């Protein structure tokens, strides 16, 4: 009986870990996808602004560089969080 209860608790715990991992994966995917869309839109907008001559190329390049760094940093952070979550679930 004790073994059954222990096994049931372990299954419940692993199921909750799996559900949390799925939830985080959905959130991370949505975040990355939206940031990627933002990056693509700003890239095209930057090209249009440069060719229209309304904004100096240096300012556009600086702004685009900042946006790209934010996107890359977010991708790295979400990857690290996912790897840490994998490591924690393996330990348990």
PDB file of N, CA and C in Angstrom:
ATOM      1  N   UNK A   1       0.827  -1.199   0.000  1.00  0.00           N
ATOM      2  CA  UNK A   1       0.000   0.000   0.000  1.00  0.00           C
ATOM      3  C   UNK A   1       0.868   1.257   0.000  1.00  0.00           C
ATOM      4  N   UNK A   2       1.922   1.246   0.833  1.00  0.00           N
ATOM      5  CA  UNK A   2       2.806   2.405   0.892  1.00  0.00           C
ATOM      6  C   UNK A   2       3.492   2.626  -0.447  1.00  0.00           C
ATOM      7  N   UNK A   3       3.892   1.524  -1.089  1.00  0.00           N
ATOM      8  CA  UNK A   3       4.552   1.634  -2.385  1.00  0.00           C
ATOM      9  C   UNK A   3       3.607   2.219  -3.436  1.00  0.00           C
ATOM     10  N   UNK A   4       2.334   1.848  -3.376  1.00  0.00           N
ATOM     11  CA  UNK A   4       1.354   2.376  -4.318  1.00  0.00           C
ATOM     12  C   UNK A   4       1.154   3.873  -4.106  1.00  0.00           C
ATOM     13  N   UNK A   5       1.075   4.291  -2.850  1.00  0.00           N
ATOM     14  CA  UNK A   5       0.925   5.714  -2.546  1.00  0.00           C
ATOM     15  C   UNK A   5       2.150   6.495  -2.990  1.00  0.00           C
ATOM     16  N   UNK A   6       3.311   5.928  -2.745  1.00  0.00           N
ATOM     17  CA  UNK A   6       4.555   6.580  -3.131  1.00  0.00           C
ATOM     18  C   UNK A   6       4.644   6.701  -4.655  1.00  0.00           C
ATOM     19  N   UNK A   7       4.261   5.625  -5.342  1.00  0.00           N
ATOM     20  CA  UNK A   7       4.284   5.622  -6.798  1.00  0.00           C
ATOM     21  C   UNK A   7       3.270   6.620  -7.350  1.00  0.00           C
ATOM     22  N   UNK A   8       2.110   6.702  -6.730  1.00  0.00           N
ATOM     23  CA  UNK A   8       1.084   7.644  -7.169  1.00  0.00           C
ATOM     24  C   UNK A   8       1.557   9.085  -6.986  1.00  0.00           C
ATOM     25  N   UNK A   9       2.227   9.357  -5.879  1.00  0.00           N
ATOM     26  CA  UNK A   9       2.751  10.705  -5.641  1.00  0.00           C
ATOM     27  C   UNK A   9       3.841  11.053  -6.646  1.00  0.00           C
ATOM     28  N   UNK A  10       4.708  10.097  -6.979  1.00  0.00           N
ATOM     29  CA  UNK A  10       5.754  10.342  -7.962  1.00  0.00           C
ATOM     30  C   UNK A  10       5.161  10.597  -9.345  1.00  0.00           C
ATOM     31  N   UNK A  11       4.134   9.827  -9.702  1.00  0.00           N
ATOM     32  CA  UNK A  11       3.473  10.032 -10.996  1.00  0.00           C
ATOM     33  C   UNK A  11       2.797  11.394 -11.058  1.00  0.00           C
ATOM     34  N   UNK A  12       2.173  11.770  -9.951  1.00  0.00           N
ATOM     35  CA  UNK A  12       1.506  13.070  -9.886  1.00  0.00           C
ATOM     36  C   UNK A  12       2.528  14.193 -10.004  1.00  0.00           C
ATOM     37  N   UNK A  13       3.665  14.026  -9.344  1.00  0.00           N
ATOM     38  CA  UNK A  13       4.719  15.030  -9.381  1.00  0.00           C
ATOM     39  C   UNK A  13       5.314  15.136 -10.787  1.00  0.00           C
ATOM     40  N   UNK A  14       5.587  14.002 -11.418  1.00  0.00           N
ATOM     41  CA  UNK A  14       6.152  14.038 -12.766  1.00  0.00           C
ATOM     42  C   UNK A  14       5.135  14.582 -13.763  1.00  0.00           C
ATOM     43  N   UNK A  15       3.859  14.315 -13.535  1.00  0.00           N
ATOM     44  CA  UNK A  15       2.816  14.852 -14.406  1.00  0.00           C
ATOM     45  C   UNK A  15       2.735  16.376 -14.273  1.00  0.00           C
ATOM     46  N   UNK A  16       2.853  16.888 -13.054  1.00  0.00           N
ATOM     47  CA  UNK A  16       2.808  18.337 -12.861  1.00  0.00           C
ATOM     48  C   UNK A  16       4.053  19.001 -13.453  1.00  0.00           C
ATOM     49  N   UNK A  17       5.196  18.329 -13.381  1.00  0.00           N
ATOM     50  CA  UNK A  17       6.417  18.855 -13.996  1.00  0.00           C
ATOM     51  C   UNK A  17       6.242  18.912 -15.509  1.00  0.00           C
ATOM     52  N   UNK A  18       5.669  17.852 -16.077  1.00  0.00           N
ATOM     53  CA  UNK A  18       5.434  17.812 -17.516  1.00  0.00           C
ATOM     54  C   UNK A  18       4.479  18.923 -17.941  1.00  0.00           C
ATOM     55  N   UNK A  19       3.401  19.124 -17.184  1.00  0.00           N
ATOM     56  CA  UNK A  19       2.441  20.183 -17.510  1.00  0.00           C
ATOM     57  C   UNK A  19       3.086  21.561 -17.428  1.00  0.00           C
ATOM     58  N   UNK A  20       3.908  21.778 -16.413  1.00  0.00           N
ATOM     59  CA  UNK A  20       4.596  23.064 -16.272  1.00  0.00           C
ATOM     60  C   UNK A  20       5.572  23.270 -17.424  1.00  0.00           C
ATOM     61  N   UNK A  21       6.263  22.228 -17.807  1.00  0.00           N
ATOM     62  CA  UNK A  21       7.201  22.319 -18.927  1.00  0.00           C
ATOM     63  C   UNK A  21       6.455  22.655 -20.223  1.00  0.00           C
ATOM     64  N   UNK A  22       5.324  22.044 -20.438  1.00  0.00           N
ATOM     65  CA  UNK A  22       4.510  22.349 -21.631  1.00  0.00           C
ATOM     66  C   UNK A  22       4.017  23.792 -21.607  1.00  0.00           C
ATOM     67  N   UNK A  23       3.590  24.258 -20.448  1.00  0.00           N
ATOM     68  CA  UNK A  23       3.117  25.639 -20.334  1.00  0.00           C
ATOM     69  C   UNK A  23       4.249  26.615 -20.634  1.00  0.00           C
ATOM     70  N   UNK A  24       5.415  26.352 -20.057  1.00  0.00           N
ATOM     71  CA  UNK A  24       6.556  27.225 -20.300  1.00  0.00           C
ATOM     72  C   UNK A  24       6.991  27.184 -21.756  1.00  0.00           C
ATOM     73  N   UNK A  25       6.916  26.010 -22.363  1.00  0.00           N
ATOM     74  CA  UNK A  25       7.289  25.892 -23.774  1.00  0.00           C
ATOM     75  C   UNK A  25       6.364  26.734 -24.654  1.00  0.00           C
ATOM     76  N   UNK A  26       5.061  26.730 -24.342  1.00  0.00           N
ATOM     77  CA  UNK A  26       4.116  27.559 -25.109  1.00  0.00           C
ATOM     78  C   UNK A  26       4.405  29.041 -24.934  1.00  0.00           C
ATOM     79  N   UNK A  27       4.670  29.441 -23.710  1.00  0.00           N
ATOM     80  CA  UNK A  27       4.962  30.855 -23.436  1.00  0.00           C
ATOM     81  C   UNK A  27       6.250  31.283 -24.131  1.00  0.00           C
ATOM     82  N   UNK A  28       7.270  30.452 -24.045  1.00  0.00           N
ATOM     83  CA  UNK A  28       8.550  30.770 -24.670  1.00  0.00           C
ATOM     84  C   UNK A  28       8.408  30.832 -26.187  1.00  0.00           C
ATOM     85  N   UNK A  29       7.658  29.881 -26.762  1.00  0.00           N
ATOM     86  CA  UNK A  29       7.452  29.900 -28.211  1.00  0.00           C
ATOM     87  C   UNK A  29       6.753  31.187 -28.635  1.00  0.00           C
ATOM     88  N   UNK A  30       5.694  31.558 -27.920  1.00  0.00           N
ATOM     89  CA  UNK A  30       4.976  32.787 -28.267  1.00  0.00           C
ATOM     90  C   UNK A  30       5.870  34.017 -28.144  1.00  0.00           C
ATOM     91  N   UNK A  31       6.668  34.064 -27.097  1.00  0.00           N
ATOM     92  CA  UNK A  31       7.582  35.186 -26.903  1.00  0.00           C
ATOM     93  C   UNK A  31       8.590  35.264 -28.043  1.00  0.00           C
ATOM     94  N   UNK A  32       9.218  34.143 -28.355  1.00  0.00           N
ATOM     95  CA  UNK A  32      10.212  34.131 -29.424  1.00  0.00           C
ATOM     96  C   UNK A  32       9.585  34.471 -30.773  1.00  0.00           C
ATOM     97  N   UNK A  33       8.429  33.919 -31.046  1.00  0.00           N
ATOM     98  CA  UNK A  33       7.767  34.168 -32.328  1.00  0.00           C
ATOM     99  C   UNK A  33       7.404  35.643 -32.474  1.00  0.00           C
ATOM    100  N   UNK A  34       6.880  36.249 -31.408  1.00  0.00           N
ATOM    101  CA  UNK A  34       6.520  37.667 -31.463  1.00  0.00           C
ATOM    102  C   UNK A  34       7.753  38.559 -31.583  1.00  0.00           C
ATOM    103  N   UNK A  35       8.815  38.210 -30.895  1.00  0.00           N
ATOM    104  CA  UNK A  35      10.050  38.990 -31.028  1.00  0.00           C
ATOM    105  C   UNK A  35      10.653  38.847 -32.417  1.00  0.00           C
ATOM    106  N   UNK A  36      10.548  37.670 -32.981  1.00  0.00           N
ATOM    107  CA  UNK A  36      11.043  37.468 -34.338  1.00  0.00           C
ATOM    108  C   UNK A  36      10.232  38.295 -35.335  1.00  0.00           C
ATOM    109  N   UNK A  37       8.918  38.327 -35.153  1.00  0.00           N
ATOM    110  CA  UNK A  37       8.078  39.166 -36.020  1.00  0.00           C
ATOM    111  C   UNK A  37       8.460  40.637 -35.865  1.00  0.00           C
ATOM    112  N   UNK A  38       8.676  41.076 -34.633  1.00  0.00           N
ATOM    113  CA  UNK A  38       9.082  42.460 -34.390  1.00  0.00           C
ATOM    114  C   UNK A  38      10.389  42.770 -35.095  1.00  0.00           C
ATOM    115  N   UNK A  39      11.329  41.865 -35.021  1.00  0.00           N
ATOM    116  CA  UNK A  39      12.625  42.067 -35.651  1.00  0.00           C
ATOM    117  C   UNK A  39      12.484  42.161 -37.175  1.00  0.00           C
ATOM    118  N   UNK A  40      11.674  41.301 -37.753  1.00  0.00           N
ATOM    119  CA  UNK A  40      11.474  41.330 -39.205  1.00  0.00           C
ATOM    120  C   UNK A  40      10.792  42.630 -39.638  1.00  0.00           C
ATOM    121  N   UNK A  41       9.778  43.027 -38.907  1.00  0.00           N
ATOM    122  CA  UNK A  41       9.066  44.267 -39.245  1.00  0.00           C
ATOM    123  C   UNK A  41       9.986  45.471 -39.135  1.00  0.00           C
ATOM    124  N   UNK A  42      10.768  45.531 -38.081  1.00  0.00           N
ATOM    125  CA  UNK A  42      11.668  46.680 -37.921  1.00  0.00           C
ATOM    126  C   UNK A  42      12.775  46.680 -38.964  1.00  0.00           C
ATOM    127  N   UNK A  43      13.186  45.500 -39.399  1.00  0.00           N
ATOM    128  CA  UNK A  43      14.198  45.437 -40.456  1.00  0.00           C
ATOM    129  C   UNK A  43      13.648  46.034 -41.750  1.00  0.00           C
ATOM    130  N   UNK A  44      12.453  45.629 -42.122  1.00  0.00           N
ATOM    131  CA  UNK A  44      11.857  46.188 -43.335  1.00  0.00           C
ATOM    132  C   UNK A  44      11.573  47.679 -43.187  1.00  0.00           C
ATOM    133  N   UNK A  45      11.108  48.088 -42.017  1.00  0.00           N
ATOM    134  CA  UNK A  45      10.859  49.510 -41.783  1.00  0.00           C
ATOM    135  C   UNK A  45      12.164  50.293 -41.857  1.00  0.00           C
ATOM    136  N   UNK A  46      13.222  49.713 -41.349  1.00  0.00           N
ATOM    137  CA  UNK A  46      14.528  50.379 -41.404  1.00  0.00           C
ATOM    138  C   UNK A  46      14.985  50.582 -42.843  1.00  0.00           C
ATOM    139  N   UNK A  47      14.819  49.566 -43.652  1.00  0.00           N
ATOM    140  CA  UNK A  47      15.201  49.683 -45.064  1.00  0.00           C
ATOM    141  C   UNK A  47      14.387  50.772 -45.746  1.00  0.00           C
ATOM    142  N   UNK A  48      13.091  50.804 -45.473  1.00  0.00           N
ATOM    143  CA  UNK A  48      12.238  51.838 -46.070  1.00  0.00           C
ATOM    144  C   UNK A  48      12.641  53.234 -45.607  1.00  0.00           C
ATOM    145  N   UNK A  49      12.937  53.381 -44.336  1.00  0.00           N
ATOM    146  CA  UNK A  49      13.333  54.699 -43.814  1.00  0.00           C
ATOM    147  C   UNK A  49      14.660  55.152 -44.402  1.00  0.00           C
ATOM    148  N   UNK A  50      15.581  54.233 -44.557  1.00  0.00           N
ATOM    149  CA  UNK A  50      16.884  54.602 -45.123  1.00  0.00           C
ATOM    150  C   UNK A  50      16.725  55.042 -46.569  1.00  0.00           C
ATOM    151  N   UNK A  51      15.972  54.265 -47.356  1.00  0.00           N
ATOM    152  CA  UNK A  51      15.809  54.607 -48.773  1.00  0.00           C
ATOM    153  C   UNK A  51      14.922  55.824 -49.001  1.00  0.00           C
ATOM    154  N   UNK A  52      14.034  56.113 -48.080  1.00  0.00           N
ATOM    155  CA  UNK A  52      13.210  57.312 -48.240  1.00  0.00           C
ATOM    156  C   UNK A  52      13.987  58.569 -47.875  1.00  0.00           C
ATOM    157  N   UNK A  53      15.071  58.405 -47.147  1.00  0.00           N
ATOM    158  CA  UNK A  53      15.908  59.542 -46.778  1.00  0.00           C
ATOM    159  C   UNK A  53      15.375  60.352 -45.613  1.00  0.00           C
ATOM    160  N   UNK A  54      14.370  59.837 -44.923  1.00  0.00           N
ATOM    161  CA  UNK A  54      13.762  60.580 -43.817  1.00  0.00           C
ATOM    162  C   UNK A  54      14.578  60.476 -42.532  1.00  0.00           C
ATOM    163  N   UNK A  55      15.335  59.404 -42.403  1.00  0.00           N
ATOM    164  CA  UNK A  55      16.116  59.175 -41.181  1.00  0.00           C
ATOM    165  C   UNK A  55      17.532  58.792 -41.601  1.00  0.00           C
ATOM    166  N   UNK A  56      18.536  59.354 -40.928  1.00  0.00           N
ATOM    167  CA  UNK A  56      19.914  58.967 -41.264  1.00  0.00           C
ATOM    168  C   UNK A  56      20.165  57.481 -41.012  1.00  0.00           C
ATOM    169  N   UNK A  57      20.986  56.903 -41.854  1.00  0.00           N
ATOM    170  CA  UNK A  57      21.265  55.472 -41.777  1.00  0.00           C
ATOM    171  C   UNK A  57      21.882  55.085 -40.434  1.00  0.00           C
ATOM    172  N   UNK A  58      22.689  55.963 -39.861  1.00  0.00           N
ATOM    173  CA  UNK A  58      23.343  55.644 -38.591  1.00  0.00           C
ATOM    174  C   UNK A  58      22.334  55.429 -37.468  1.00  0.00           C
ATOM    175  N   UNK A  59      21.314  56.276 -37.432  1.00  0.00           N
ATOM    176  CA  UNK A  59      20.293  56.143 -36.379  1.00  0.00           C
ATOM    177  C   UNK A  59      19.498  54.862 -36.556  1.00  0.00           C
ATOM    178  N   UNK A  60      19.181  54.555 -37.798  1.00  0.00           N
ATOM    179  CA  UNK A  60      18.419  53.340 -38.065  1.00  0.00           C
ATOM    180  C   UNK A  60      19.245  52.111 -37.716  1.00  0.00           C
ATOM    181  N   UNK A  61      20.515  52.121 -38.072  1.00  0.00           N
ATOM    182  CA  UNK A  61      21.385  50.993 -37.760  1.00  0.00           C
ATOM    183  C   UNK A  61      21.528  50.799 -36.255  1.00  0.00           C
ATOM    184  N   UNK A  62      21.639  51.898 -35.527  1.00  0.00           N
ATOM    185  CA  UNK A  62      21.752  51.817 -34.069  1.00  0.00           C
ATOM    186  C   UNK A  62      20.489  51.219 -33.462  1.00  0.00           C
ATOM    187  N   UNK A  63      19.342  51.713 -33.884  1.00  0.00           N
ATOM    188  CA  UNK A  63      18.069  51.202 -33.352  1.00  0.00           C
ATOM    189  C   UNK A  63      17.888  49.730 -33.709  1.00  0.00           C
ATOM    190  N   UNK A  64      18.215  49.378 -34.939  1.00  0.00           N
ATOM    191  CA  UNK A  64      18.077  47.987 -35.369  1.00  0.00           C
ATOM    192  C   UNK A  64      19.034  47.086 -34.594  1.00  0.00           C
ATOM    193  N   UNK A  65      20.223  47.568 -34.328  1.00  0.00           N
ATOM    194  CA  UNK A  65      21.182  46.787 -33.543  1.00  0.00           C
ATOM    195  C   UNK A  65      20.692  46.522 -32.137  1.00  0.00           C
ATOM    196  N   UNK A  66      20.083  47.526 -31.526  1.00  0.00           N
ATOM    197  CA  UNK A  66      19.539  47.362 -30.172  1.00  0.00           C
ATOM    198  C   UNK A  66      18.413  46.330 -30.176  1.00  0.00           C
ATOM    199  N   UNK A  67      17.518  46.428 -31.142  1.00  0.00           N
ATOM    200  CA  UNK A  67      16.394  45.481 -31.217  1.00  0.00           C
ATOM    201  C   UNK A  67      16.917  44.066 -31.436  1.00  0.00           C
ATOM    202  N   UNK A  68      17.886  43.914 -32.328  1.00  0.00           N
ATOM    203  CA  UNK A  68      18.433  42.575 -32.589  1.00  0.00           C
ATOM    204  C   UNK A  68      19.130  42.005 -31.358  1.00  0.00           C
ATOM    205  N   UNK A  69      19.825  42.841 -30.600  1.00  0.00           N
ATOM    206  CA  UNK A  69      20.473  42.354 -29.373  1.00  0.00           C
ATOM    207  C   UNK A  69      19.441  41.900 -28.342  1.00  0.00           C
ATOM    208  N   UNK A  70      18.356  42.647 -28.242  1.00  0.00           N
ATOM    209  CA  UNK A  70      17.288  42.264 -27.312  1.00  0.00           C
ATOM    210  C   UNK A  70      16.696  40.916 -27.711  1.00  0.00           C
ATOM    211  N   UNK A  71      16.447  40.734 -28.999  1.00  0.00           N
ATOM    212  CA  UNK A  71      15.890  39.472 -29.482  1.00  0.00           C
ATOM    213  C   UNK A  71      16.860  38.320 -29.201  1.00  0.00           C
ATOM    214  N   UNK A  72      18.123  38.498 -29.529  1.00  0.00           N
ATOM    215  CA  UNK A  72      19.102  37.439 -29.296  1.00  0.00           C
ATOM    216  C   UNK A  72      19.273  37.131 -27.819  1.00  0.00           C
ATOM    217  N   UNK A  73      19.271  38.165 -26.983  1.00  0.00           N
ATOM    218  CA  UNK A  73      19.384  37.961 -25.539  1.00  0.00           C
ATOM    219  C   UNK A  73      18.182  37.187 -25.011  1.00  0.00           C
ATOM    220  N   UNK A  74      17.008  37.515 -25.493  1.00  0.00           N
ATOM    221  CA  UNK A  74      15.807  36.809 -25.066  1.00  0.00           C
ATOM    222  C   UNK A  74      15.863  35.346 -25.484  1.00  0.00           C
ATOM    223  N   UNK A  75      16.328  35.079 -26.700  1.00  0.00           N
ATOM    224  CA  UNK A  75      16.462  33.702 -27.156  1.00  0.00           C
ATOM    225  C   UNK A  75      17.433  32.937 -26.251  1.00  0.00           C
ATOM    226  N   UNK A  76      18.542  33.571 -25.895  1.00  0.00           N
ATOM    227  CA  UNK A  76      19.542  32.911 -25.051  1.00  0.00           C
ATOM    228  C   UNK A  76      18.988  32.650 -23.649  1.00  0.00           C
ATOM    229  N   UNK A  77      18.312  33.637 -23.088  1.00  0.00           N
ATOM    230  CA  UNK A  77      17.764  33.493 -21.733  1.00  0.00           C
ATOM    231  C   UNK A  77      16.714  32.385 -21.697  1.00  0.00           C
ATOM    232  N   UNK A  78      15.830  32.354 -22.677  1.00  0.00           N
ATOM    233  CA  UNK A  78      14.793  31.316 -22.685  1.00  0.00           C
ATOM    234  C   UNK A  78      15.403  29.935 -22.883  1.00  0.00           C
ATOM    235  N   UNK A  79      16.458  29.839 -23.674  1.00  0.00           N
ATOM    236  CA  UNK A  79      17.145  28.553 -23.856  1.00  0.00           C
ATOM    237  C   UNK A  79      17.783  28.104 -22.540  1.00  0.00           C
ATOM    238  N   UNK A  80      18.428  29.038 -21.842  1.00  0.00           N
ATOM    239  CA  UNK A  80      19.057  28.704 -20.561  1.00  0.00           C
ATOM    240  C   UNK A  80      18.024  28.273 -19.524  1.00  0.00           C
ATOM    241  N   UNK A  81      16.899  28.962 -19.480  1.00  0.00           N
ATOM    242  CA  UNK A  81      15.839  28.608 -18.530  1.00  0.00           C
ATOM    243  C   UNK A  81      15.319  27.211 -18.836  1.00  0.00           C
ATOM    244  N   UNK A  82      15.129  26.920 -20.106  1.00  0.00           N
ATOM    245  CA  UNK A  82      14.634  25.609 -20.499  1.00  0.00           C
ATOM    246  C   UNK A  82      15.628  24.514 -20.128  1.00  0.00           C
ATOM    247  N   UNK A  83      16.908  24.767 -20.340  1.00  0.00           N
ATOM    248  CA  UNK A  83      17.926  23.777 -19.974  1.00  0.00           C
ATOM    249  C   UNK A  83      17.973  23.566 -18.464  1.00  0.00           C
ATOM    250  N   UNK A  84      17.858  24.648 -17.683  1.00  0.00           N
ATOM    251  CA  UNK A  84      17.842  24.522 -16.225  1.00  0.00           C
ATOM    252  C   UNK A  84      16.632  23.724 -15.763  1.00  0.00           C
ATOM    253  N   UNK A  85      15.491  23.976 -16.405  1.00  0.00           N
ATOM    254  CA  UNK A  85      14.282  23.247 -16.043  1.00  0.00           C
ATOM    255  C   UNK A  85      14.448  21.764 -16.358  1.00  0.00           C
ATOM    256  N   UNK A  86      15.103  21.444 -17.485  1.00  0.00           N
ATOM    257  CA  UNK A  86      15.370  20.044 -17.825  1.00  0.00           C
ATOM    258  C   UNK A  86      16.266  19.398 -16.779  1.00  0.00           C
ATOM    259  N   UNK A  87      17.312  20.116 -16.370  1.00  0.00           N
ATOM    260  CA  UNK A  87      18.230  19.584 -15.373  1.00  0.00           C
ATOM    261  C   UNK A  87      17.530  19.324 -14.052  1.00  0.00           C
ATOM    262  N   UNK A  88      16.661  20.237 -13.636  1.00  0.00           N
ATOM    263  CA  UNK A  88      15.937  20.066 -12.368  1.00  0.00           C
ATOM    264  C   UNK A  88      14.982  18.891 -12.430  1.00  0.00           C
ATOM    265  N   UNK A  89      14.332  18.703 -13.585  1.00  0.00           N
ATOM    266  CA  UNK A  89      13.379  17.599 -13.672  1.00  0.00           C
ATOM    267  C   UNK A  89      14.110  16.265 -13.735  1.00  0.00           C
ATOM    268  N   UNK A  90      15.343  16.240 -14.230  1.00  0.00           N
ATOM    269  CA  UNK A  90      16.126  14.995 -14.248  1.00  0.00           C
ATOM    270  C   UNK A  90      16.595  14.620 -12.847  1.00  0.00           C
ATOM    271  N   UNK A  91      16.866  15.636 -12.036  1.00  0.00           N
ATOM    272  CA  UNK A  91      17.353  15.379 -10.678  1.00  0.00           C
ATOM    273  C   UNK A  91      16.279  14.762  -9.800  1.00  0.00           C
ATOM    274  N   UNK A  92      15.038  15.053 -10.095  1.00  0.00           N
ATOM    275  CA  UNK A  92      13.950  14.590  -9.217  1.00  0.00           C
ATOM    276  C   UNK A  92      13.473  13.223  -9.561  1.00  0.00           C
TER     277      UNK A  92
END
